[in-house]
Protein backbone atom coordinates (compact mmCIF):
# COMPACT_ATOMS: atom_id res chain seq x y z
CA SER A 1 4.09 -21.54 14.75
CA SER A 2 7.32 -22.77 12.61
CA ALA A 3 10.22 -21.04 11.63
CA GLY A 4 10.25 -18.57 8.86
CA ILE A 5 6.72 -19.07 8.81
CA LEU A 6 4.48 -15.67 9.81
CA ASN A 7 1.13 -15.34 11.48
CA ALA A 8 0.73 -12.23 11.83
CA ASP A 9 -2.36 -10.36 10.64
CA LEU A 10 -1.20 -6.92 9.46
CA ALA A 11 -4.17 -3.98 8.81
CA VAL A 12 -4.28 -0.96 6.02
CA THR A 13 -5.70 1.56 9.08
CA ASP A 14 -5.09 5.39 7.93
CA LEU A 15 -4.69 6.61 4.92
CA TYR A 16 -3.48 10.80 5.38
CA PRO A 17 -1.81 13.56 3.81
CA ASP A 18 1.58 14.46 5.92
CA ASN A 19 1.21 18.46 5.88
CA HIS A 20 -1.69 20.69 4.24
CA PRO A 21 -2.57 22.34 1.65
CA GLN A 22 1.19 19.87 0.04
CA GLY A 23 2.13 17.16 1.05
CA GLY A 24 2.74 12.97 0.62
CA MET A 25 -0.01 10.48 1.07
CA MET A 26 0.77 8.42 4.06
CA VAL A 27 -0.24 4.83 4.76
CA ARG A 28 -0.04 3.36 8.40
CA PHE A 29 -0.04 -0.22 9.08
CA THR A 30 -1.38 -1.44 12.26
CA ASN A 31 0.54 -5.38 13.32
CA ARG A 32 -2.39 -7.33 14.39
CA GLY A 33 -0.61 -10.38 15.52
CA PRO A 34 -0.42 -12.33 16.54
CA ASP A 35 3.24 -13.04 15.35
CA SER A 36 5.68 -9.68 15.87
CA MET A 37 6.84 -8.64 12.28
CA SER A 38 10.52 -7.66 11.79
CA ASP A 39 12.26 -6.63 8.64
CA ILE A 40 9.32 -8.02 6.28
CA ASN A 41 8.34 -6.48 3.17
CA VAL A 42 5.23 -5.92 2.14
CA PRO A 43 3.78 -5.68 -1.32
CA VAL A 44 1.22 -2.02 -1.04
CA SER A 45 -0.78 -0.75 -3.77
CA CYS A 46 -2.36 3.24 -4.06
CA GLN A 47 -4.04 4.62 -5.50
CA VAL A 48 -6.01 8.48 -5.71
CA ILE A 49 -9.03 9.90 -7.53
CA ALA A 50 -8.48 13.26 -7.54
CA HIS A 51 -11.32 15.65 -8.04
CA PHE A 52 -10.53 19.19 -8.89
CA ILE A 53 -12.19 21.84 -6.21
CA ALA A 54 -13.21 24.61 -8.49
CA GLY A 55 -15.42 21.91 -10.49
CA GLY A 56 -14.92 21.53 -13.98
CA VAL A 57 -12.73 18.39 -14.44
CA ALA A 58 -12.77 15.22 -15.13
CA PRO A 59 -11.08 13.35 -12.40
CA LEU A 60 -7.60 12.16 -12.61
CA THR A 61 -6.46 9.15 -11.50
CA PHE A 62 -3.28 8.10 -10.00
CA SER A 63 -1.64 5.08 -8.26
CA LYS A 64 1.78 4.08 -7.20
CA ASP A 65 3.20 0.37 -6.33
CA PHE A 66 5.95 -0.03 -3.84
CA THR A 67 7.25 -1.81 -0.72
CA ALA A 68 7.17 -1.95 2.44
CA ASN A 69 9.71 -2.44 4.62
CA VAL A 70 7.84 -3.95 8.57
CA ALA A 71 9.20 -4.19 11.89
CA LEU A 72 5.88 -3.93 13.80
CA ASN A 73 4.88 -5.92 16.82
CA LYS A 74 1.61 -6.59 18.19
CA GLY A 75 -0.67 -3.47 18.69
CA GLN A 76 1.84 -1.14 17.21
CA THR A 77 1.54 1.33 13.76
CA SER A 78 3.79 2.20 11.16
CA ALA A 79 3.36 5.22 8.59
CA HIS A 80 4.63 4.88 5.35
CA TYR A 81 5.24 7.57 2.01
CA THR A 82 2.80 6.31 -0.53
CA ARG A 83 4.86 8.30 -2.77
CA ILE A 84 1.99 9.88 -4.25
CA ASP A 85 1.50 13.95 -3.52
CA LEU A 86 -1.23 15.79 -2.90
CA ASN A 87 -2.64 19.41 -3.37
CA THR A 88 -5.39 19.56 -0.79
CA GLY A 89 -5.86 23.15 -1.78
CA LEU A 90 -7.07 22.29 -5.78
CA TYR A 91 -8.31 19.06 -5.12
CA TRP A 92 -10.08 16.67 -2.64
CA TYR A 93 -8.99 13.14 -3.14
CA GLU A 94 -10.62 9.95 -3.27
CA GLY A 95 -8.09 7.57 -1.72
CA LYS A 96 -6.80 3.49 -1.56
CA CYS A 97 -4.00 1.16 -0.16
CA THR A 98 -3.85 -2.72 -0.89
CA ILE A 99 -1.77 -4.68 0.59
CA ASN A 100 -1.20 -8.10 -0.35
CA PRO A 101 1.47 -10.13 1.78
CA GLY A 102 2.81 -13.07 1.40
CA TRP A 103 2.64 -14.97 4.65
CA LYS A 104 -0.82 -16.43 6.23
CA ASP A 105 -3.39 -13.72 7.05
CA ASP A 106 -6.45 -14.99 7.94
CA ARG A 107 -8.16 -11.67 7.83
CA THR A 108 -8.37 -10.02 4.55
CA ASP A 109 -10.78 -7.92 5.06
CA ASN A 110 -8.61 -4.92 6.32
CA ASN A 111 -5.69 -5.31 3.73
CA SER A 112 -7.52 -2.16 1.90
CA TYR A 113 -8.69 1.03 3.30
CA GLU A 114 -9.81 4.04 1.60
CA GLU A 115 -10.15 7.35 2.62
CA THR A 116 -11.55 11.17 1.59
CA ILE A 117 -8.20 12.89 1.91
CA LYS A 118 -9.61 16.53 1.92
CA VAL A 119 -8.63 20.45 3.53
CA PRO A 120 -9.62 20.00 7.60
CA GLY A 121 -12.91 21.63 7.58
CA PRO A 122 -13.80 24.90 9.84
């Protein structure tokens, strides 16, 4: 690729809390190549729908937009704090994060990832 033109497939590959029951929601990115990414700012949009475990309360939706600074060679992953805090003792969550790459990304089907987040089962 010519200088300054990035050709990397950055995929959103996981959502998880960094701690239970209270912790921050983390998003994991994987660089599927072919180019390496060095100090690239990636716009990220995340949202969670919080469902009260005890029921009786309408779900709450929280959204955060932030910029993740990514430096990954092909095949590497990195985790980033989404700026959303969770309490899996009180809620279970439907989480989703989407990236909006500012470069040539031929695969857009992996630019978004959804996962249910709750206390690990027995």
